[in-house]
Amino acid sequence: LLVMGLVRFGAVIKYIPAPVIVGFTSG
């Protein structure tokens, strides 16, 4: 997580589509 933040990976995480997030969260 520390490396993700230092290499500016934060914006990339936002690109995970809503159907994937809702699907695994509900699961």
PDB file of all heavy atoms in Angstrom:
ATOM      1  N   LEU A   1       0.826  -1.206   0.000  1.00  0.00           N
ATOM      2  CA  LEU A   1       0.000   0.000   0.000  1.00  0.00           C
ATOM      3  C   LEU A   1       0.862   1.258   0.000  1.00  0.00           C
ATOM      4  O   LEU A   1       0.550   2.243  -0.691  1.00  0.00           O
ATOM      5  CB  LEU A   1      -0.923   0.002   1.226  1.00  0.00           C
ATOM      6  CG  LEU A   1      -2.152  -0.902   1.147  1.00  0.00           C
ATOM      7  CD1 LEU A   1      -2.780  -1.048   2.528  1.00  0.00           C
ATOM      8  CD2 LEU A   1      -3.169  -0.328   0.165  1.00  0.00           C
ATOM      9  N   LEU A   2       1.936   1.219   0.775  1.00  0.00           N
ATOM     10  CA  LEU A   2       2.853   2.356   0.824  1.00  0.00           C
ATOM     11  C   LEU A   2       3.440   2.622  -0.566  1.00  0.00           C
ATOM     12  O   LEU A   2       3.490   3.774  -1.024  1.00  0.00           O
ATOM     13  CB  LEU A   2       3.959   2.080   1.844  1.00  0.00           C
ATOM     14  CG  LEU A   2       5.011   3.179   2.032  1.00  0.00           C
ATOM     15  CD1 LEU A   2       4.373   4.472   2.505  1.00  0.00           C
ATOM     16  CD2 LEU A   2       6.072   2.713   3.030  1.00  0.00           C
ATOM     17  N   VAL A   3       3.863   1.561  -1.231  1.00  0.00           N
ATOM     18  CA  VAL A   3       4.429   1.707  -2.579  1.00  0.00           C
ATOM     19  C   VAL A   3       3.359   2.210  -3.550  1.00  0.00           C
ATOM     20  O   VAL A   3       3.628   3.080  -4.393  1.00  0.00           O
ATOM     21  CB  VAL A   3       5.017   0.361  -3.061  1.00  0.00           C
ATOM     22  CG1 VAL A   3       5.427   0.448  -4.525  1.00  0.00           C
ATOM     23  CG2 VAL A   3       6.209  -0.037  -2.204  1.00  0.00           C
ATOM     24  N   MET A   4       2.137   1.676  -3.450  1.00  0.00           N
ATOM     25  CA  MET A   4       1.044   2.149  -4.305  1.00  0.00           C
ATOM     26  C   MET A   4       0.856   3.659  -4.180  1.00  0.00           C
ATOM     27  O   MET A   4       0.663   4.370  -5.178  1.00  0.00           O
ATOM     28  CB  MET A   4      -0.269   1.445  -3.926  1.00  0.00           C
ATOM     29  CG  MET A   4      -0.384   0.006  -4.344  1.00  0.00           C
ATOM     30  SD  MET A   4      -1.998  -0.656  -3.843  1.00  0.00           S
ATOM     31  CE  MET A   4      -1.793  -2.396  -4.208  1.00  0.00           C
ATOM     32  N   GLY A   5       0.895   4.141  -2.946  1.00  0.00           N
ATOM     33  CA  GLY A   5       0.724   5.571  -2.733  1.00  0.00           C
ATOM     34  C   GLY A   5       1.876   6.372  -3.290  1.00  0.00           C
ATOM     35  O   GLY A   5       1.681   7.424  -3.906  1.00  0.00           O
ATOM     36  N   LEU A   6       3.105   5.903  -3.078  1.00  0.00           N
ATOM     37  CA  LEU A   6       4.289   6.640  -3.524  1.00  0.00           C
ATOM     38  C   LEU A   6       4.394   6.710  -5.048  1.00  0.00           C
ATOM     39  O   LEU A   6       4.942   7.669  -5.592  1.00  0.00           O
ATOM     40  CB  LEU A   6       5.551   6.012  -2.934  1.00  0.00           C
ATOM     41  CG  LEU A   6       5.717   6.138  -1.409  1.00  0.00           C
ATOM     42  CD1 LEU A   6       6.951   5.399  -0.942  1.00  0.00           C
ATOM     43  CD2 LEU A   6       5.781   7.603  -0.992  1.00  0.00           C
ATOM     44  N   VAL A   7       3.878   5.685  -5.738  1.00  0.00           N
ATOM     45  CA  VAL A   7       3.929   5.704  -7.212  1.00  0.00           C
ATOM     46  C   VAL A   7       2.618   6.215  -7.803  1.00  0.00           C
ATOM     47  O   VAL A   7       2.344   6.037  -8.993  1.00  0.00           O
ATOM     48  CB  VAL A   7       4.264   4.307  -7.780  1.00  0.00           C
ATOM     49  CG1 VAL A   7       5.616   3.836  -7.302  1.00  0.00           C
ATOM     50  CG2 VAL A   7       3.187   3.282  -7.434  1.00  0.00           C
ATOM     51  N   ARG A   8       1.799   6.839  -6.959  1.00  0.00           N
ATOM     52  CA  ARG A   8       0.540   7.478  -7.391  1.00  0.00           C
ATOM     53  C   ARG A   8      -0.442   6.490  -7.994  1.00  0.00           C
ATOM     54  O   ARG A   8      -1.024   6.732  -9.058  1.00  0.00           O
ATOM     55  CB  ARG A   8       0.831   8.590  -8.397  1.00  0.00           C
ATOM     56  CG  ARG A   8       1.739   9.674  -7.876  1.00  0.00           C
ATOM     57  CD  ARG A   8       1.843  10.767  -8.910  1.00  0.00           C
ATOM     58  NE  ARG A   8       2.899  11.705  -8.580  1.00  0.00           N
ATOM     59  CZ  ARG A   8       3.231  12.752  -9.316  1.00  0.00           C
ATOM     60  NH1 ARG A   8       2.581  12.980 -10.438  1.00  0.00           N
ATOM     61  NH2 ARG A   8       4.197  13.553  -8.957  1.00  0.00           N
ATOM     62  N   PHE A   9      -0.620   5.385  -7.317  1.00  0.00           N
ATOM     63  CA  PHE A   9      -1.536   4.359  -7.801  1.00  0.00           C
ATOM     64  C   PHE A   9      -2.974   4.648  -7.384  1.00  0.00           C
ATOM     65  O   PHE A   9      -3.894   3.955  -7.786  1.00  0.00           O
ATOM     66  CB  PHE A   9      -1.088   2.993  -7.265  1.00  0.00           C
ATOM     67  CG  PHE A   9      -1.600   1.820  -8.050  1.00  0.00           C
ATOM     68  CD1 PHE A   9      -1.176   1.614  -9.350  1.00  0.00           C
ATOM     69  CD2 PHE A   9      -2.501   0.920  -7.495  1.00  0.00           C
ATOM     70  CE1 PHE A   9      -1.633   0.535 -10.083  1.00  0.00           C
ATOM     71  CE2 PHE A   9      -2.964  -0.163  -8.215  1.00  0.00           C
ATOM     72  CZ  PHE A   9      -2.533  -0.356  -9.512  1.00  0.00           C
ATOM     73  N   GLY A  10      -3.161   5.686  -6.578  1.00  0.00           N
ATOM     74  CA  GLY A  10      -4.490   5.982  -6.042  1.00  0.00           C
ATOM     75  C   GLY A  10      -5.530   6.213  -7.119  1.00  0.00           C
ATOM     76  O   GLY A  10      -6.676   5.770  -6.997  1.00  0.00           O
ATOM     77  N   ALA A  11      -5.147   6.927  -8.185  1.00  0.00           N
ATOM     78  CA  ALA A  11      -6.109   7.219  -9.243  1.00  0.00           C
ATOM     79  C   ALA A  11      -6.500   5.966 -10.016  1.00  0.00           C
ATOM     80  O   ALA A  11      -7.628   5.853 -10.502  1.00  0.00           O
ATOM     81  CB  ALA A  11      -5.529   8.259 -10.195  1.00  0.00           C
ATOM     82  N   VAL A  12      -5.583   5.007 -10.125  1.00  0.00           N
ATOM     83  CA  VAL A  12      -5.857   3.790 -10.892  1.00  0.00           C
ATOM     84  C   VAL A  12      -6.938   2.955 -10.220  1.00  0.00           C
ATOM     85  O   VAL A  12      -7.800   2.366 -10.882  1.00  0.00           O
ATOM     86  CB  VAL A  12      -4.566   2.961 -11.072  1.00  0.00           C
ATOM     87  CG1 VAL A  12      -4.841   1.670 -11.824  1.00  0.00           C
ATOM     88  CG2 VAL A  12      -3.519   3.786 -11.805  1.00  0.00           C
ATOM     89  N   ILE A  13      -6.907   2.896  -8.888  1.00  0.00           N
ATOM     90  CA  ILE A  13      -7.888   2.111  -8.135  1.00  0.00           C
ATOM     91  C   ILE A  13      -9.308   2.569  -8.462  1.00  0.00           C
ATOM     92  O   ILE A  13     -10.252   1.777  -8.486  1.00  0.00           O
ATOM     93  CB  ILE A  13      -7.621   2.243  -6.619  1.00  0.00           C
ATOM     94  CG1 ILE A  13      -6.265   1.642  -6.261  1.00  0.00           C
ATOM     95  CG2 ILE A  13      -8.717   1.567  -5.809  1.00  0.00           C
ATOM     96  CD1 ILE A  13      -6.168   0.155  -6.439  1.00  0.00           C
ATOM     97  N   LYS A  14      -9.467   3.864  -8.758  1.00  0.00           N
ATOM     98  CA  LYS A  14     -10.797   4.403  -9.020  1.00  0.00           C
ATOM     99  C   LYS A  14     -11.406   3.849 -10.299  1.00  0.00           C
ATOM    100  O   LYS A  14     -12.603   3.994 -10.532  1.00  0.00           O
ATOM    101  CB  LYS A  14     -10.730   5.929  -9.110  1.00  0.00           C
ATOM    102  CG  LYS A  14     -10.265   6.600  -7.822  1.00  0.00           C
ATOM    103  CD  LYS A  14     -10.122   8.101  -8.019  1.00  0.00           C
ATOM    104  CE  LYS A  14      -9.568   8.774  -6.766  1.00  0.00           C
ATOM    105  NZ  LYS A  14      -9.354  10.224  -6.957  1.00  0.00           N
ATOM    106  N   TYR A  15     -10.588   3.238 -11.158  1.00  0.00           N
ATOM    107  CA  TYR A  15     -11.078   2.762 -12.437  1.00  0.00           C
ATOM    108  C   TYR A  15     -11.683   1.366 -12.364  1.00  0.00           C
ATOM    109  O   TYR A  15     -12.086   0.816 -13.390  1.00  0.00           O
ATOM    110  CB  TYR A  15      -9.951   2.783 -13.471  1.00  0.00           C
ATOM    111  CG  TYR A  15      -9.445   4.174 -13.785  1.00  0.00           C
ATOM    112  CD1 TYR A  15      -8.085   4.444 -13.852  1.00  0.00           C
ATOM    113  CD2 TYR A  15     -10.331   5.222 -13.986  1.00  0.00           C
ATOM    114  CE1 TYR A  15      -7.618   5.722 -14.120  1.00  0.00           C
ATOM    115  CE2 TYR A  15      -9.881   6.502 -14.250  1.00  0.00           C
ATOM    116  CZ  TYR A  15      -8.523   6.744 -14.325  1.00  0.00           C
ATOM    117  OH  TYR A  15      -8.077   8.000 -14.594  1.00  0.00           O
ATOM    118  N   ILE A  16     -11.728   0.764 -11.186  1.00  0.00           N
ATOM    119  CA  ILE A  16     -12.404  -0.537 -11.071  1.00  0.00           C
ATOM    120  C   ILE A  16     -13.900  -0.304 -11.247  1.00  0.00           C
ATOM    121  O   ILE A  16     -14.494   0.496 -10.530  1.00  0.00           O
ATOM    122  CB  ILE A  16     -12.102  -1.188  -9.710  1.00  0.00           C
ATOM    123  CG1 ILE A  16     -10.604  -1.512  -9.617  1.00  0.00           C
ATOM    124  CG2 ILE A  16     -12.929  -2.459  -9.522  1.00  0.00           C
ATOM    125  CD1 ILE A  16     -10.192  -2.146  -8.318  1.00  0.00           C
ATOM    126  N   PRO A  17     -14.543  -0.983 -12.215  1.00  0.00           N
ATOM    127  CA  PRO A  17     -15.943  -0.678 -12.557  1.00  0.00           C
ATOM    128  C   PRO A  17     -16.913  -0.961 -11.419  1.00  0.00           C
ATOM    129  O   PRO A  17     -16.683  -1.846 -10.582  1.00  0.00           O
ATOM    130  CB  PRO A  17     -16.213  -1.605 -13.751  1.00  0.00           C
ATOM    131  CG  PRO A  17     -14.878  -2.031 -14.242  1.00  0.00           C
ATOM    132  CD  PRO A  17     -13.966  -2.029 -13.049  1.00  0.00           C
ATOM    133  N   ALA A  18     -18.015  -0.222 -11.419  1.00  0.00           N
ATOM    134  CA  ALA A  18     -19.032  -0.363 -10.376  1.00  0.00           C
ATOM    135  C   ALA A  18     -19.609  -1.778 -10.296  1.00  0.00           C
ATOM    136  O   ALA A  18     -19.809  -2.290  -9.180  1.00  0.00           O
ATOM    137  CB  ALA A  18     -20.152   0.654 -10.600  1.00  0.00           C
ATOM    138  N   PRO A  19     -19.902  -2.471 -11.419  1.00  0.00           N
ATOM    139  CA  PRO A  19     -20.434  -3.834 -11.292  1.00  0.00           C
ATOM    140  C   PRO A  19     -19.486  -4.782 -10.554  1.00  0.00           C
ATOM    141  O   PRO A  19     -19.937  -5.676  -9.839  1.00  0.00           O
ATOM    142  CB  PRO A  19     -20.622  -4.271 -12.752  1.00  0.00           C
ATOM    143  CG  PRO A  19     -20.800  -3.009 -13.509  1.00  0.00           C
ATOM    144  CD  PRO A  19     -19.911  -2.013 -12.826  1.00  0.00           C
ATOM    145  N   VAL A  20     -18.182  -4.579 -10.723  1.00  0.00           N
ATOM    146  CA  VAL A  20     -17.202  -5.422 -10.024  1.00  0.00           C
ATOM    147  C   VAL A  20     -17.227  -5.117  -8.532  1.00  0.00           C
ATOM    148  O   VAL A  20     -17.260  -6.024  -7.689  1.00  0.00           O
ATOM    149  CB  VAL A  20     -15.789  -5.215 -10.604  1.00  0.00           C
ATOM    150  CG1 VAL A  20     -14.760  -6.032  -9.815  1.00  0.00           C
ATOM    151  CG2 VAL A  20     -15.757  -5.612 -12.067  1.00  0.00           C
ATOM    152  N   ILE A  21     -17.230  -3.828  -8.175  1.00  0.00           N
ATOM    153  CA  ILE A  21     -17.219  -3.438  -6.756  1.00  0.00           C
ATOM    154  C   ILE A  21     -18.490  -3.900  -6.062  1.00  0.00           C
ATOM    155  O   ILE A  21     -18.452  -4.492  -4.977  1.00  0.00           O
ATOM    156  CB  ILE A  21     -17.049  -1.911  -6.628  1.00  0.00           C
ATOM    157  CG1 ILE A  21     -15.656  -1.486  -7.106  1.00  0.00           C
ATOM    158  CG2 ILE A  21     -17.267  -1.463  -5.185  1.00  0.00           C
ATOM    159  CD1 ILE A  21     -15.435   0.009  -7.112  1.00  0.00           C
ATOM    160  N   VAL A  22     -19.642  -3.641  -6.680  1.00  0.00           N
ATOM    161  CA  VAL A  22     -20.920  -4.055  -6.078  1.00  0.00           C
ATOM    162  C   VAL A  22     -20.991  -5.576  -6.002  1.00  0.00           C
ATOM    163  O   VAL A  22     -21.455  -6.139  -4.996  1.00  0.00           O
ATOM    164  CB  VAL A  22     -22.109  -3.497  -6.893  1.00  0.00           C
ATOM    165  CG1 VAL A  22     -23.432  -4.056  -6.366  1.00  0.00           C
ATOM    166  CG2 VAL A  22     -22.125  -1.975  -6.824  1.00  0.00           C
ATOM    167  N   GLY A  23     -20.507  -6.265  -7.033  1.00  0.00           N
ATOM    168  CA  GLY A  23     -20.556  -7.724  -7.051  1.00  0.00           C
ATOM    169  C   GLY A  23     -19.747  -8.353  -5.933  1.00  0.00           C
ATOM    170  O   GLY A  23     -20.253  -9.209  -5.197  1.00  0.00           O
ATOM    171  N   PHE A  24     -18.480  -7.927  -5.776  1.00  0.00           N
ATOM    172  CA  PHE A  24     -17.672  -8.577  -4.733  1.00  0.00           C
ATOM    173  C   PHE A  24     -18.076  -8.103  -3.338  1.00  0.00           C
ATOM    174  O   PHE A  24     -17.991  -8.867  -2.372  1.00  0.00           O
ATOM    175  CB  PHE A  24     -16.172  -8.417  -4.999  1.00  0.00           C
ATOM    176  CG  PHE A  24     -15.535  -7.121  -4.594  1.00  0.00           C
ATOM    177  CD1 PHE A  24     -15.367  -6.765  -3.265  1.00  0.00           C
ATOM    178  CD2 PHE A  24     -15.044  -6.255  -5.564  1.00  0.00           C
ATOM    179  CE1 PHE A  24     -14.743  -5.583  -2.906  1.00  0.00           C
ATOM    180  CE2 PHE A  24     -14.424  -5.074  -5.216  1.00  0.00           C
ATOM    181  CZ  PHE A  24     -14.281  -4.729  -3.875  1.00  0.00           C
ATOM    182  N   THR A  25     -18.546  -6.863  -3.208  1.00  0.00           N
ATOM    183  CA  THR A  25     -19.001  -6.386  -1.897  1.00  0.00           C
ATOM    184  C   THR A  25     -20.230  -7.164  -1.438  1.00  0.00           C
ATOM    185  O   THR A  25     -20.316  -7.588  -0.276  1.00  0.00           O
ATOM    186  CB  THR A  25     -19.320  -4.877  -1.945  1.00  0.00           C
ATOM    187  OG1 THR A  25     -18.164  -4.159  -2.389  1.00  0.00           O
ATOM    188  CG2 THR A  25     -19.718  -4.366  -0.573  1.00  0.00           C
ATOM    189  N   SER A  26     -21.184  -7.352  -2.332  1.00  0.00           N
ATOM    190  CA  SER A  26     -22.386  -8.125  -1.983  1.00  0.00           C
ATOM    191  C   SER A  26     -22.037  -9.586  -1.715  1.00  0.00           C
ATOM    192  O   SER A  26     -22.608 -10.218  -0.813  1.00  0.00           O
ATOM    193  CB  SER A  26     -23.414  -8.037  -3.119  1.00  0.00           C
ATOM    194  OG  SER A  26     -23.821  -6.708  -3.325  1.00  0.00           O
ATOM    195  N   GLY A  27     -21.082 -10.115  -2.473  1.00  0.00           N
ATOM    196  CA  GLY A  27     -20.644 -11.492  -2.236  1.00  0.00           C
ATOM    197  C   GLY A  27     -20.011 -11.667  -0.871  1.00  0.00           C
ATOM    198  O   GLY A  27     -20.281 -12.646  -0.160  1.00  0.00           O
TER     199      GLY A  27
END
